[in-house]
PDB file of N, CA and C in Angstrom:
ATOM      1  N   UNK A   1       0.828  -1.178   0.000  1.00  0.00           N
ATOM      2  CA  UNK A   1       0.000   0.000   0.000  1.00  0.00           C
ATOM      3  C   UNK A   1       0.879   1.250   0.000  1.00  0.00           C
ATOM      4  N   UNK A   2       1.949   1.199   0.756  1.00  0.00           N
ATOM      5  CA  UNK A   2       2.832   2.367   0.809  1.00  0.00           C
ATOM      6  C   UNK A   2       3.470   2.622  -0.552  1.00  0.00           C
ATOM      7  N   UNK A   3       3.786   1.548  -1.288  1.00  0.00           N
ATOM      8  CA  UNK A   3       4.361   1.706  -2.624  1.00  0.00           C
ATOM      9  C   UNK A   3       3.397   2.396  -3.568  1.00  0.00           C
ATOM     10  N   UNK A   4       2.116   2.058  -3.470  1.00  0.00           N
ATOM     11  CA  UNK A   4       1.105   2.697  -4.307  1.00  0.00           C
ATOM     12  C   UNK A   4       1.035   4.190  -4.003  1.00  0.00           C
ATOM     13  N   UNK A   5       0.964   4.537  -2.723  1.00  0.00           N
ATOM     14  CA  UNK A   5       0.861   5.947  -2.368  1.00  0.00           C
ATOM     15  C   UNK A   5       2.145   6.721  -2.656  1.00  0.00           C
ATOM     16  N   UNK A   6       3.264   6.040  -2.729  1.00  0.00           N
ATOM     17  CA  UNK A   6       4.521   6.744  -3.002  1.00  0.00           C
ATOM     18  C   UNK A   6       4.609   7.211  -4.453  1.00  0.00           C
ATOM     19  N   UNK A   7       3.863   6.582  -5.375  1.00  0.00           N
ATOM     20  CA  UNK A   7       3.913   7.019  -6.766  1.00  0.00           C
ATOM     21  C   UNK A   7       2.817   8.032  -7.105  1.00  0.00           C
ATOM     22  N   UNK A   8       1.935   8.328  -6.177  1.00  0.00           N
ATOM     23  CA  UNK A   8       0.908   9.334  -6.421  1.00  0.00           C
ATOM     24  C   UNK A   8       1.544  10.720  -6.401  1.00  0.00           C
ATOM     25  N   UNK A   9       1.169  11.564  -7.361  1.00  0.00           N
ATOM     26  CA  UNK A   9       1.753  12.913  -7.374  1.00  0.00           C
ATOM     27  C   UNK A   9       1.235  13.751  -6.204  1.00  0.00           C
ATOM     28  N   UNK A  10       2.110  14.598  -5.703  1.00  0.00           N
ATOM     29  CA  UNK A  10       1.732  15.453  -4.581  1.00  0.00           C
ATOM     30  C   UNK A  10       1.213  16.802  -5.049  1.00  0.00           C
ATOM     31  N   UNK A  11       1.559  17.176  -6.258  1.00  0.00           N
ATOM     32  CA  UNK A  11       1.129  18.469  -6.787  1.00  0.00           C
ATOM     33  C   UNK A  11       0.301  18.247  -8.051  1.00  0.00           C
ATOM     34  N   UNK A  12      -0.602  19.157  -8.297  1.00  0.00           N
ATOM     35  CA  UNK A  12      -1.424  19.078  -9.511  1.00  0.00           C
ATOM     36  C   UNK A  12      -0.616  19.612 -10.691  1.00  0.00           C
ATOM     37  N   UNK A  13      -0.813  19.007 -11.836  1.00  0.00           N
ATOM     38  CA  UNK A  13      -0.129  19.442 -13.045  1.00  0.00           C
ATOM     39  C   UNK A  13      -1.055  19.305 -14.240  1.00  0.00           C
ATOM     40  N   UNK A  14      -0.485  19.369 -15.424  1.00  0.00           N
ATOM     41  CA  UNK A  14      -1.299  19.258 -16.634  1.00  0.00           C
ATOM     42  C   UNK A  14      -1.945  17.893 -16.762  1.00  0.00           C
ATOM     43  N   UNK A  15      -1.395  16.875 -16.092  1.00  0.00           N
ATOM     44  CA  UNK A  15      -1.906  15.510 -16.160  1.00  0.00           C
ATOM     45  C   UNK A  15      -3.062  15.275 -15.187  1.00  0.00           C
ATOM     46  N   UNK A  16      -3.335  16.202 -14.292  1.00  0.00           N
ATOM     47  CA  UNK A  16      -4.350  15.996 -13.254  1.00  0.00           C
ATOM     48  C   UNK A  16      -5.756  15.892 -13.828  1.00  0.00           C
ATOM     49  N   UNK A  17      -6.121  16.780 -14.742  1.00  0.00           N
ATOM     50  CA  UNK A  17      -7.477  16.766 -15.298  1.00  0.00           C
ATOM     51  C   UNK A  17      -7.764  15.473 -16.062  1.00  0.00           C
ATOM     52  N   UNK A  18      -6.889  15.027 -16.975  1.00  0.00           N
ATOM     53  CA  UNK A  18      -7.169  13.736 -17.633  1.00  0.00           C
ATOM     54  C   UNK A  18      -7.233  12.573 -16.641  1.00  0.00           C
ATOM     55  N   UNK A  19      -6.447  12.636 -15.596  1.00  0.00           N
ATOM     56  CA  UNK A  19      -6.498  11.584 -14.587  1.00  0.00           C
ATOM     57  C   UNK A  19      -7.833  11.544 -13.861  1.00  0.00           C
ATOM     58  N   UNK A  20      -8.373  12.714 -13.541  1.00  0.00           N
ATOM     59  CA  UNK A  20      -9.673  12.785 -12.888  1.00  0.00           C
ATOM     60  C   UNK A  20     -10.784  12.330 -13.831  1.00  0.00           C
ATOM     61  N   UNK A  21     -10.603  12.549 -15.107  1.00  0.00           N
ATOM     62  CA  UNK A  21     -11.634  12.216 -16.085  1.00  0.00           C
ATOM     63  C   UNK A  21     -11.488  10.810 -16.658  1.00  0.00           C
ATOM     64  N   UNK A  22     -10.527  10.036 -16.183  1.00  0.00           N
ATOM     65  CA  UNK A  22     -10.273   8.725 -16.777  1.00  0.00           C
ATOM     66  C   UNK A  22     -11.459   7.779 -16.631  1.00  0.00           C
ATOM     67  N   UNK A  23     -12.263   7.903 -15.581  1.00  0.00           N
ATOM     68  CA  UNK A  23     -13.427   7.035 -15.444  1.00  0.00           C
ATOM     69  C   UNK A  23     -14.465   7.345 -16.521  1.00  0.00           C
ATOM     70  N   UNK A  24     -14.654   8.620 -16.836  1.00  0.00           N
ATOM     71  CA  UNK A  24     -15.558   8.980 -17.926  1.00  0.00           C
ATOM     72  C   UNK A  24     -15.064   8.370 -19.235  1.00  0.00           C
ATOM     73  N   UNK A  25     -13.785   8.515 -19.501  1.00  0.00           N
ATOM     74  CA  UNK A  25     -13.206   7.989 -20.739  1.00  0.00           C
ATOM     75  C   UNK A  25     -13.347   6.466 -20.775  1.00  0.00           C
ATOM     76  N   UNK A  26     -13.040   5.811 -19.676  1.00  0.00           N
ATOM     77  CA  UNK A  26     -13.107   4.349 -19.610  1.00  0.00           C
ATOM     78  C   UNK A  26     -14.532   3.839 -19.833  1.00  0.00           C
ATOM     79  N   UNK A  27     -15.504   4.493 -19.214  1.00  0.00           N
ATOM     80  CA  UNK A  27     -16.879   4.022 -19.309  1.00  0.00           C
ATOM     81  C   UNK A  27     -17.571   4.418 -20.612  1.00  0.00           C
ATOM     82  N   UNK A  28     -17.172   5.532 -21.218  1.00  0.00           N
ATOM     83  CA  UNK A  28     -17.884   6.036 -22.390  1.00  0.00           C
ATOM     84  C   UNK A  28     -17.247   5.658 -23.725  1.00  0.00           C
ATOM     85  N   UNK A  29     -15.993   5.252 -23.745  1.00  0.00           N
ATOM     86  CA  UNK A  29     -15.361   4.975 -25.039  1.00  0.00           C
ATOM     87  C   UNK A  29     -16.018   3.823 -25.807  1.00  0.00           C
ATOM     88  N   UNK A  30     -16.613   2.819 -25.142  1.00  0.00           N
ATOM     89  CA  UNK A  30     -17.302   1.799 -25.947  1.00  0.00           C
ATOM     90  C   UNK A  30     -18.480   2.349 -26.752  1.00  0.00           C
ATOM     91  N   UNK A  31     -19.093   3.447 -26.282  1.00  0.00           N
ATOM     92  CA  UNK A  31     -20.186   4.048 -27.046  1.00  0.00           C
ATOM     93  C   UNK A  31     -19.700   4.543 -28.405  1.00  0.00           C
ATOM     94  N   UNK A  32     -18.439   4.918 -28.492  1.00  0.00           N
ATOM     95  CA  UNK A  32     -17.887   5.384 -29.763  1.00  0.00           C
ATOM     96  C   UNK A  32     -17.315   4.250 -30.596  1.00  0.00           C
ATOM     97  N   UNK A  33     -16.510   3.404 -29.991  1.00  0.00           N
ATOM     98  CA  UNK A  33     -15.802   2.412 -30.804  1.00  0.00           C
ATOM     99  C   UNK A  33     -16.683   1.247 -31.239  1.00  0.00           C
ATOM    100  N   UNK A  34     -17.832   1.042 -30.592  1.00  0.00           N
ATOM    101  CA  UNK A  34     -18.734  -0.018 -31.029  1.00  0.00           C
ATOM    102  C   UNK A  34     -19.932   0.524 -31.794  1.00  0.00           C
ATOM    103  N   UNK A  35     -19.984   1.819 -31.996  1.00  0.00           N
ATOM    104  CA  UNK A  35     -21.076   2.440 -32.738  1.00  0.00           C
ATOM    105  C   UNK A  35     -20.881   2.163 -34.221  1.00  0.00           C
ATOM    106  N   UNK A  36     -21.862   1.549 -34.898  1.00  0.00           N
ATOM    107  CA  UNK A  36     -21.666   1.192 -36.308  1.00  0.00           C
ATOM    108  C   UNK A  36     -21.460   2.394 -37.222  1.00  0.00           C
ATOM    109  N   UNK A  37     -22.075   3.517 -36.907  1.00  0.00           N
ATOM    110  CA  UNK A  37     -21.894   4.717 -37.742  1.00  0.00           C
ATOM    111  C   UNK A  37     -20.476   5.268 -37.618  1.00  0.00           C
ATOM    112  N   UNK A  38     -19.963   5.250 -36.405  1.00  0.00           N
ATOM    113  CA  UNK A  38     -18.593   5.720 -36.181  1.00  0.00           C
ATOM    114  C   UNK A  38     -17.605   4.767 -36.845  1.00  0.00           C
ATOM    115  N   UNK A  39     -17.829   3.467 -36.702  1.00  0.00           N
ATOM    116  CA  UNK A  39     -16.925   2.486 -37.309  1.00  0.00           C
ATOM    117  C   UNK A  39     -16.908   2.624 -38.832  1.00  0.00           C
ATOM    118  N   UNK A  40     -18.077   2.828 -39.421  1.00  0.00           N
ATOM    119  CA  UNK A  40     -18.146   2.991 -40.881  1.00  0.00           C
ATOM    120  C   UNK A  40     -17.361   4.225 -41.319  1.00  0.00           C
ATOM    121  N   UNK A  41     -17.537   5.340 -40.608  1.00  0.00           N
ATOM    122  CA  UNK A  41     -16.821   6.565 -40.967  1.00  0.00           C
ATOM    123  C   UNK A  41     -15.311   6.393 -40.815  1.00  0.00           C
ATOM    124  N   UNK A  42     -14.903   5.725 -39.755  1.00  0.00           N
ATOM    125  CA  UNK A  42     -13.467   5.518 -39.523  1.00  0.00           C
ATOM    126  C   UNK A  42     -12.880   4.624 -40.612  1.00  0.00           C
ATOM    127  N   UNK A  43     -13.555   3.525 -40.936  1.00  0.00           N
ATOM    128  CA  UNK A  43     -13.032   2.631 -41.965  1.00  0.00           C
ATOM    129  C   UNK A  43     -13.011   3.296 -43.340  1.00  0.00           C
ATOM    130  N   UNK A  44     -14.013   4.140 -43.636  1.00  0.00           N
ATOM    131  CA  UNK A  44     -13.997   4.867 -44.912  1.00  0.00           C
ATOM    132  C   UNK A  44     -12.821   5.833 -44.963  1.00  0.00           C
ATOM    133  N   UNK A  45     -12.567   6.520 -43.855  1.00  0.00           N
ATOM    134  CA  UNK A  45     -11.440   7.475 -43.803  1.00  0.00           C
ATOM    135  C   UNK A  45     -10.103   6.734 -43.908  1.00  0.00           C
ATOM    136  N   UNK A  46      -9.975   5.617 -43.196  1.00  0.00           N
ATOM    137  CA  UNK A  46      -8.738   4.842 -43.272  1.00  0.00           C
ATOM    138  C   UNK A  46      -8.540   4.265 -44.667  1.00  0.00           C
ATOM    139  N   UNK A  47      -9.623   3.861 -45.324  1.00  0.00           N
ATOM    140  CA  UNK A  47      -9.523   3.349 -46.695  1.00  0.00           C
ATOM    141  C   UNK A  47      -9.051   4.440 -47.637  1.00  0.00           C
ATOM    142  N   UNK A  48      -9.559   5.661 -47.453  1.00  0.00           N
ATOM    143  CA  UNK A  48      -9.141   6.770 -48.298  1.00  0.00           C
ATOM    144  C   UNK A  48      -7.672   7.110 -48.065  1.00  0.00           C
ATOM    145  N   UNK A  49      -7.219   7.037 -46.822  1.00  0.00           N
ATOM    146  CA  UNK A  49      -5.825   7.350 -46.506  1.00  0.00           C
ATOM    147  C   UNK A  49      -4.861   6.292 -47.031  1.00  0.00           C
ATOM    148  N   UNK A  50      -5.256   5.024 -46.938  1.00  0.00           N
ATOM    149  CA  UNK A  50      -4.326   3.961 -47.325  1.00  0.00           C
ATOM    150  C   UNK A  50      -4.429   3.573 -48.796  1.00  0.00           C
ATOM    151  N   UNK A  51      -5.495   3.988 -49.481  1.00  0.00           N
ATOM    152  CA  UNK A  51      -5.636   3.682 -50.889  1.00  0.00           C
ATOM    153  C   UNK A  51      -6.174   2.286 -51.178  1.00  0.00           C
ATOM    154  N   UNK A  52      -6.642   1.583 -50.165  1.00  0.00           N
ATOM    155  CA  UNK A  52      -7.252   0.270 -50.333  1.00  0.00           C
ATOM    156  C   UNK A  52      -8.337   0.117 -49.280  1.00  0.00           C
ATOM    157  N   UNK A  53      -9.168  -0.900 -49.466  1.00  0.00           N
ATOM    158  CA  UNK A  53     -10.250  -1.091 -48.502  1.00  0.00           C
ATOM    159  C   UNK A  53      -9.687  -1.551 -47.159  1.00  0.00           C
ATOM    160  N   UNK A  54     -10.090  -0.872 -46.105  1.00  0.00           N
ATOM    161  CA  UNK A  54      -9.668  -1.212 -44.751  1.00  0.00           C
ATOM    162  C   UNK A  54     -10.918  -1.587 -43.977  1.00  0.00           C
ATOM    163  N   UNK A  55     -10.864  -2.727 -43.316  1.00  0.00           N
ATOM    164  CA  UNK A  55     -11.963  -3.140 -42.444  1.00  0.00           C
ATOM    165  C   UNK A  55     -11.389  -3.978 -41.310  1.00  0.00           C
ATOM    166  N   UNK A  56     -12.265  -4.589 -40.549  1.00  0.00           N
ATOM    167  CA  UNK A  56     -11.819  -5.358 -39.391  1.00  0.00           C
ATOM    168  C   UNK A  56     -10.927  -6.517 -39.810  1.00  0.00           C
ATOM    169  N   UNK A  57     -11.239  -7.162 -40.941  1.00  0.00           N
ATOM    170  CA  UNK A  57     -10.499  -8.333 -41.377  1.00  0.00           C
ATOM    171  C   UNK A  57      -9.293  -7.986 -42.231  1.00  0.00           C
ATOM    172  N   UNK A  58      -9.214  -6.751 -42.687  1.00  0.00           N
ATOM    173  CA  UNK A  58      -8.088  -6.292 -43.484  1.00  0.00           C
ATOM    174  C   UNK A  58      -7.606  -4.962 -42.904  1.00  0.00           C
ATOM    175  N   UNK A  59      -6.867  -5.022 -41.814  1.00  0.00           N
ATOM    176  CA  UNK A  59      -6.492  -3.779 -41.125  1.00  0.00           C
ATOM    177  C   UNK A  59      -5.478  -2.959 -41.917  1.00  0.00           C
ATOM    178  N   UNK A  60      -5.437  -1.683 -41.560  1.00  0.00           N
ATOM    179  CA  UNK A  60      -4.467  -0.781 -42.183  1.00  0.00           C
ATOM    180  C   UNK A  60      -3.085  -1.100 -41.635  1.00  0.00           C
ATOM    181  N   UNK A  61      -2.104  -1.220 -42.539  1.00  0.00           N
ATOM    182  CA  UNK A  61      -0.743  -1.489 -42.091  1.00  0.00           C
ATOM    183  C   UNK A  61       0.246  -0.472 -42.644  1.00  0.00           C
ATOM    184  N   UNK A  62      -0.256   0.535 -43.320  1.00  0.00           N
ATOM    185  CA  UNK A  62       0.586   1.609 -43.827  1.00  0.00           C
ATOM    186  C   UNK A  62       1.064   2.451 -42.637  1.00  0.00           C
ATOM    187  N   UNK A  63       2.330   2.817 -42.617  1.00  0.00           N
ATOM    188  CA  UNK A  63       2.896   3.561 -41.492  1.00  0.00           C
ATOM    189  C   UNK A  63       2.200   4.877 -41.216  1.00  0.00           C
ATOM    190  N   UNK A  64       1.832   5.602 -42.264  1.00  0.00           N
ATOM    191  CA  UNK A  64       1.171   6.894 -42.069  1.00  0.00           C
ATOM    192  C   UNK A  64      -0.209   6.721 -41.455  1.00  0.00           C
ATOM    193  N   UNK A  65      -0.903   5.680 -41.886  1.00  0.00           N
ATOM    194  CA  UNK A  65      -2.247   5.435 -41.341  1.00  0.00           C
ATOM    195  C   UNK A  65      -2.151   4.972 -39.898  1.00  0.00           C
ATOM    196  N   UNK A  66      -1.236   4.071 -39.627  1.00  0.00           N
ATOM    197  CA  UNK A  66      -1.081   3.565 -38.266  1.00  0.00           C
ATOM    198  C   UNK A  66      -0.636   4.683 -37.320  1.00  0.00           C
ATOM    199  N   UNK A  67       0.202   5.586 -37.796  1.00  0.00           N
ATOM    200  CA  UNK A  67       0.656   6.682 -36.939  1.00  0.00           C
ATOM    201  C   UNK A  67      -0.458   7.689 -36.648  1.00  0.00           C
ATOM    202  N   UNK A  68      -1.551   7.640 -37.394  1.00  0.00           N
ATOM    203  CA  UNK A  68      -2.688   8.534 -37.133  1.00  0.00           C
ATOM    204  C   UNK A  68      -3.560   8.013 -35.999  1.00  0.00           C
ATOM    205  N   UNK A  69      -3.373   6.764 -35.583  1.00  0.00           N
ATOM    206  CA  UNK A  69      -4.221   6.177 -34.554  1.00  0.00           C
ATOM    207  C   UNK A  69      -3.980   6.837 -33.198  1.00  0.00           C
ATOM    208  N   UNK A  70      -2.742   7.091 -32.831  1.00  0.00           N
ATOM    209  CA  UNK A  70      -2.455   7.692 -31.527  1.00  0.00           C
ATOM    210  C   UNK A  70      -3.051   9.090 -31.405  1.00  0.00           C
ATOM    211  N   UNK A  71      -2.829  10.012 -32.350  1.00  0.00           N
ATOM    212  CA  UNK A  71      -3.482  11.320 -32.214  1.00  0.00           C
ATOM    213  C   UNK A  71      -5.006  11.223 -32.217  1.00  0.00           C
ATOM    214  N   UNK A  72      -5.558  10.298 -32.986  1.00  0.00           N
ATOM    215  CA  UNK A  72      -7.015  10.145 -33.003  1.00  0.00           C
ATOM    216  C   UNK A  72      -7.530   9.652 -31.655  1.00  0.00           C
ATOM    217  N   UNK A  73      -6.816   8.707 -31.052  1.00  0.00           N
ATOM    218  CA  UNK A  73      -7.262   8.205 -29.752  1.00  0.00           C
ATOM    219  C   UNK A  73      -7.109   9.267 -28.664  1.00  0.00           C
ATOM    220  N   UNK A  74      -6.075  10.077 -28.738  1.00  0.00           N
ATOM    221  CA  UNK A  74      -5.935  11.182 -27.785  1.00  0.00           C
ATOM    222  C   UNK A  74      -7.040  12.217 -27.971  1.00  0.00           C
ATOM    223  N   UNK A  75      -7.442  12.444 -29.223  1.00  0.00           N
ATOM    224  CA  UNK A  75      -8.536  13.389 -29.485  1.00  0.00           C
ATOM    225  C   UNK A  75      -9.853  12.854 -28.919  1.00  0.00           C
ATOM    226  N   UNK A  76     -10.080  11.543 -29.035  1.00  0.00           N
ATOM    227  CA  UNK A  76     -11.288  10.946 -28.460  1.00  0.00           C
ATOM    228  C   UNK A  76     -11.271  11.076 -26.947  1.00  0.00           C
ATOM    229  N   UNK A  77     -10.116  10.845 -26.329  1.00  0.00           N
ATOM    230  CA  UNK A  77      -9.996  11.009 -24.871  1.00  0.00           C
ATOM    231  C   UNK A  77     -10.283  12.443 -24.457  1.00  0.00           C
ATOM    232  N   UNK A  78      -9.748  13.390 -25.214  1.00  0.00           N
ATOM    233  CA  UNK A  78      -9.995  14.803 -24.906  1.00  0.00           C
ATOM    234  C   UNK A  78     -11.470  15.137 -25.076  1.00  0.00           C
ATOM    235  N   UNK A  79     -12.091  14.609 -26.120  1.00  0.00           N
ATOM    236  CA  UNK A  79     -13.515  14.864 -26.356  1.00  0.00           C
ATOM    237  C   UNK A  79     -14.378  14.303 -25.232  1.00  0.00           C
ATOM    238  N   UNK A  80     -14.094  13.082 -24.801  1.00  0.00           N
ATOM    239  CA  UNK A  80     -14.899  12.458 -23.755  1.00  0.00           C
ATOM    240  C   UNK A  80     -14.710  13.087 -22.388  1.00  0.00           C
ATOM    241  N   UNK A  81     -13.651  13.843 -22.196  1.00  0.00           N
ATOM    242  CA  UNK A  81     -13.423  14.473 -20.895  1.00  0.00           C
ATOM    243  C   UNK A  81     -13.818  15.946 -20.876  1.00  0.00           C
ATOM    244  N   UNK A  82     -14.463  16.437 -21.935  1.00  0.00           N
ATOM    245  CA  UNK A  82     -14.886  17.836 -21.959  1.00  0.00           C
ATOM    246  C   UNK A  82     -16.109  18.048 -21.072  1.00  0.00           C
ATOM    247  N   UNK A  83     -16.268  19.246 -20.530  1.00  0.00           N
ATOM    248  CA  UNK A  83     -17.419  19.515 -19.655  1.00  0.00           C
ATOM    249  C   UNK A  83     -18.785  19.270 -20.306  1.00  0.00           C
ATOM    250  N   UNK A  84     -19.013  19.633 -21.585  1.00  0.00           N
ATOM    251  CA  UNK A  84     -20.347  19.352 -22.142  1.00  0.00           C
ATOM    252  C   UNK A  84     -20.683  17.860 -22.190  1.00  0.00           C
ATOM    253  N   UNK A  85     -19.703  17.033 -22.526  1.00  0.00           N
ATOM    254  CA  UNK A  85     -19.939  15.581 -22.566  1.00  0.00           C
ATOM    255  C   UNK A  85     -20.189  15.063 -21.162  1.00  0.00           C
ATOM    256  N   UNK A  86     -19.427  15.534 -20.192  1.00  0.00           N
ATOM    257  CA  UNK A  86     -19.631  15.102 -18.808  1.00  0.00           C
ATOM    258  C   UNK A  86     -21.010  15.512 -18.303  1.00  0.00           C
ATOM    259  N   UNK A  87     -21.429  16.735 -18.618  1.00  0.00           N
ATOM    260  CA  UNK A  87     -22.746  17.205 -18.188  1.00  0.00           C
ATOM    261  C   UNK A  87     -23.867  16.390 -18.835  1.00  0.00           C
ATOM    262  N   UNK A  88     -23.716  16.068 -20.104  1.00  0.00           N
ATOM    263  CA  UNK A  88     -24.745  15.342 -20.831  1.00  0.00           C
ATOM    264  C   UNK A  88     -24.862  13.889 -20.380  1.00  0.00           C
ATOM    265  N   UNK A  89     -23.744  13.243 -20.107  1.00  0.00           N
ATOM    266  CA  UNK A  89     -23.739  11.808 -19.841  1.00  0.00           C
ATOM    267  C   UNK A  89     -23.459  11.429 -18.390  1.00  0.00           C
ATOM    268  N   UNK A  90     -23.541  12.385 -17.470  1.00  0.00           N
ATOM    269  CA  UNK A  90     -23.232  12.065 -16.075  1.00  0.00           C
ATOM    270  C   UNK A  90     -24.139  10.999 -15.487  1.00  0.00           C
ATOM    271  N   UNK A  91     -25.427  10.876 -15.890  1.00  0.00           N
ATOM    272  CA  UNK A  91     -26.225   9.801 -15.292  1.00  0.00           C
ATOM    273  C   UNK A  91     -25.706   8.402 -15.638  1.00  0.00           C
ATOM    274  N   UNK A  92     -24.988   8.275 -16.747  1.00  0.00           N
ATOM    275  CA  UNK A  92     -24.441   6.972 -17.114  1.00  0.00           C
ATOM    276  C   UNK A  92     -23.201   6.609 -16.312  1.00  0.00           C
ATOM    277  N   UNK A  93     -22.451   7.600 -15.902  1.00  0.00           N
ATOM    278  CA  UNK A  93     -21.198   7.326 -15.202  1.00  0.00           C
ATOM    279  C   UNK A  93     -21.286   7.539 -13.698  1.00  0.00           C
ATOM    280  N   UNK A  94     -22.157   8.441 -13.258  1.00  0.00           N
ATOM    281  CA  UNK A  94     -22.303   8.722 -11.832  1.00  0.00           C
ATOM    282  C   UNK A  94     -23.777   8.810 -11.468  1.00  0.00           C
ATOM    283  N   UNK A  95     -24.497   7.692 -11.525  1.00  0.00           N
ATOM    284  CA  UNK A  95     -25.925   7.772 -11.207  1.00  0.00           C
ATOM    285  C   UNK A  95     -26.128   8.172  -9.750  1.00  0.00           C
ATOM    286  N   UNK A  96     -27.073   9.073  -9.493  1.00  0.00           N
ATOM    287  CA  UNK A  96     -27.321   9.481  -8.102  1.00  0.00           C
ATOM    288  C   UNK A  96     -27.811   8.297  -7.271  1.00  0.00           C
ATOM    289  N   UNK A  97     -27.326   8.185  -6.062  1.00  0.00           N
ATOM    290  CA  UNK A  97     -27.719   7.079  -5.196  1.00  0.00           C
ATOM    291  C   UNK A  97     -29.199   7.116  -4.871  1.00  0.00           C
ATOM    292  N   UNK A  98     -29.805   8.312  -4.856  1.00  0.00           N
ATOM    293  CA  UNK A  98     -31.228   8.383  -4.528  1.00  0.00           C
ATOM    294  C   UNK A  98     -32.069   7.639  -5.561  1.00  0.00           C
ATOM    295  N   UNK A  99     -31.584   7.530  -6.803  1.00  0.00           N
ATOM    296  CA  UNK A  99     -32.303   6.764  -7.824  1.00  0.00           C
ATOM    297  C   UNK A  99     -32.305   5.287  -7.472  1.00  0.00           C
ATOM    298  N   UNK A 100     -31.177   4.811  -6.985  1.00  0.00           N
ATOM    299  CA  UNK A 100     -31.043   3.379  -6.728  1.00  0.00           C
ATOM    300  C   UNK A 100     -31.578   2.976  -5.354  1.00  0.00           C
ATOM    301  N   UNK A 101     -31.588   3.907  -4.413  1.00  0.00           N
ATOM    302  CA  UNK A 101     -31.941   3.563  -3.041  1.00  0.00           C
ATOM    303  C   UNK A 101     -33.325   4.050  -2.625  1.00  0.00           C
ATOM    304  N   UNK A 102     -34.113   4.585  -3.531  1.00  0.00           N
ATOM    305  CA  UNK A 102     -35.434   5.084  -3.135  1.00  0.00           C
ATOM    306  C   UNK A 102     -36.339   3.903  -2.780  1.00  0.00           C
ATOM    307  N   UNK A 103     -37.287   4.178  -1.909  1.00  0.00           N
ATOM    308  CA  UNK A 103     -38.217   3.150  -1.459  1.00  0.00           C
ATOM    309  C   UNK A 103     -39.093   2.691  -2.609  1.00  0.00           C
ATOM    310  N   UNK A 104     -39.290   1.405  -2.710  1.00  0.00           N
ATOM    311  CA  UNK A 104     -40.131   0.855  -3.756  1.00  0.00           C
ATOM    312  C   UNK A 104     -39.416   0.662  -5.080  1.00  0.00           C
ATOM    313  N   UNK A 105     -38.111   0.912  -5.118  1.00  0.00           N
ATOM    314  CA  UNK A 105     -37.373   0.753  -6.369  1.00  0.00           C
ATOM    315  C   UNK A 105     -37.281  -0.717  -6.764  1.00  0.00           C
ATOM    316  N   UNK A 106     -37.207  -1.599  -5.765  1.00  0.00           N
ATOM    317  CA  UNK A 106     -37.144  -3.035  -6.025  1.00  0.00           C
ATOM    318  C   UNK A 106     -38.444  -3.649  -5.519  1.00  0.00           C
ATOM    319  N   UNK A 107     -39.196  -4.347  -6.359  1.00  0.00           N
ATOM    320  CA  UNK A 107     -40.456  -4.961  -5.904  1.00  0.00           C
ATOM    321  C   UNK A 107     -40.214  -5.959  -4.773  1.00  0.00           C
ATOM    322  N   UNK A 108     -41.205  -6.107  -3.907  1.00  0.00           N
ATOM    323  CA  UNK A 108     -41.067  -6.999  -2.755  1.00  0.00           C
ATOM    324  C   UNK A 108     -40.787  -8.429  -3.178  1.00  0.00           C
ATOM    325  N   UNK A 109     -41.309  -8.835  -4.329  1.00  0.00           N
ATOM    326  CA  UNK A 109     -41.077 -10.203  -4.785  1.00  0.00           C
ATOM    327  C   UNK A 109     -39.621 -10.460  -5.138  1.00  0.00           C
ATOM    328  N   UNK A 110     -38.857  -9.401  -5.414  1.00  0.00           N
ATOM    329  CA  UNK A 110     -37.449  -9.546  -5.781  1.00  0.00           C
ATOM    330  C   UNK A 110     -36.525  -9.399  -4.576  1.00  0.00           C
ATOM    331  N   UNK A 111     -37.052  -8.957  -3.441  1.00  0.00           N
ATOM    332  CA  UNK A 111     -36.226  -8.780  -2.248  1.00  0.00           C
ATOM    333  C   UNK A 111     -36.079 -10.112  -1.520  1.00  0.00           C
ATOM    334  N   UNK A 112     -35.116 -10.178  -0.644  1.00  0.00           N
ATOM    335  CA  UNK A 112     -34.888 -11.394   0.143  1.00  0.00           C
ATOM    336  C   UNK A 112     -35.971 -11.586   1.195  1.00  0.00           C
ATOM    337  N   UNK A 113     -36.020 -12.769   1.823  1.00  0.00           N
ATOM    338  CA  UNK A 113     -37.042 -13.066   2.829  1.00  0.00           C
ATOM    339  C   UNK A 113     -36.982 -12.124   4.023  1.00  0.00           C
ATOM    340  N   UNK A 114     -35.792 -11.721   4.452  1.00  0.00           N
ATOM    341  CA  UNK A 114     -35.690 -10.831   5.613  1.00  0.00           C
ATOM    342  C   UNK A 114     -36.291  -9.463   5.316  1.00  0.00           C
ATOM    343  N   UNK A 115     -36.134  -8.974   4.104  1.00  0.00           N
ATOM    344  CA  UNK A 115     -36.663  -7.675   3.720  1.00  0.00           C
ATOM    345  C   UNK A 115     -38.182  -7.711   3.596  1.00  0.00           C
ATOM    346  N   UNK A 116     -38.751  -8.889   3.297  1.00  0.00           N
ATOM    347  CA  UNK A 116     -40.201  -9.019   3.170  1.00  0.00           C
ATOM    348  C   UNK A 116     -40.866  -9.304   4.501  1.00  0.00           C
ATOM    349  N   UNK A 117     -40.084  -9.524   5.553  1.00  0.00           N
ATOM    350  CA  UNK A 117     -40.651  -9.824   6.865  1.00  0.00           C
ATOM    351  C   UNK A 117     -40.873 -11.309   7.093  1.00  0.00           C
ATOM    352  N   UNK A 118     -40.367 -12.136   6.210  1.00  0.00           N
ATOM    353  CA  UNK A 118     -40.505 -13.576   6.367  1.00  0.00           C
ATOM    354  C   UNK A 118     -39.257 -14.132   7.025  1.00  0.00           C
ATOM    355  N   UNK A 119     -39.391 -15.232   7.674  1.00  0.00           N
ATOM    356  CA  UNK A 119     -38.241 -15.900   8.276  1.00  0.00           C
ATOM    357  C   UNK A 119     -37.671 -15.127   9.419  1.00  0.00           C
ATOM    358  N   UNK A 120     -36.478 -15.459   9.790  1.00  0.00           N
ATOM    359  CA  UNK A 120     -35.837 -14.774  10.909  1.00  0.00           C
ATOM    360  C   UNK A 120     -36.303 -15.349  12.239  1.00  0.00           C
ATOM    361  N   UNK A 121     -35.853 -14.758  13.342  1.00  0.00           N
ATOM    362  CA  UNK A 121     -36.215 -15.245  14.673  1.00  0.00           C
ATOM    363  C   UNK A 121     -37.557 -14.669  15.100  1.00  0.00           C
ATOM    364  N   UNK A 122     -38.313 -15.415  15.909  1.00  0.00           N
ATOM    365  CA  UNK A 122     -39.612 -14.940  16.365  1.00  0.00           C
ATOM    366  C   UNK A 122     -39.544 -14.458  17.773  1.00  0.00           C
TER     367      UNK A 122
END
């Protein structure tokens, strides 16, 4: 445990904001990379850049195309950590506990016997 805390930064820097937003990026990136419209646009763009059809079964192997992946992924990370995206999608990443813990949220038939008043000591 001490080793983990020894590598944590003591001062905030340019890396602090992306670090705080990493959960948003981690949870929301599948919405982009598994979206069929986004995948189609990306494969069309990669095909245009490489001069041949690029798809899942025939990946791009041209150096210029492959070198575009890192800046594109950094741009996606930056996009997913922007305040408008966080404001719009916060219920998906940080649902309020009152939604999950309100009375009657789980029907009595789905609760355990102790919660329904059955069983236990008399």
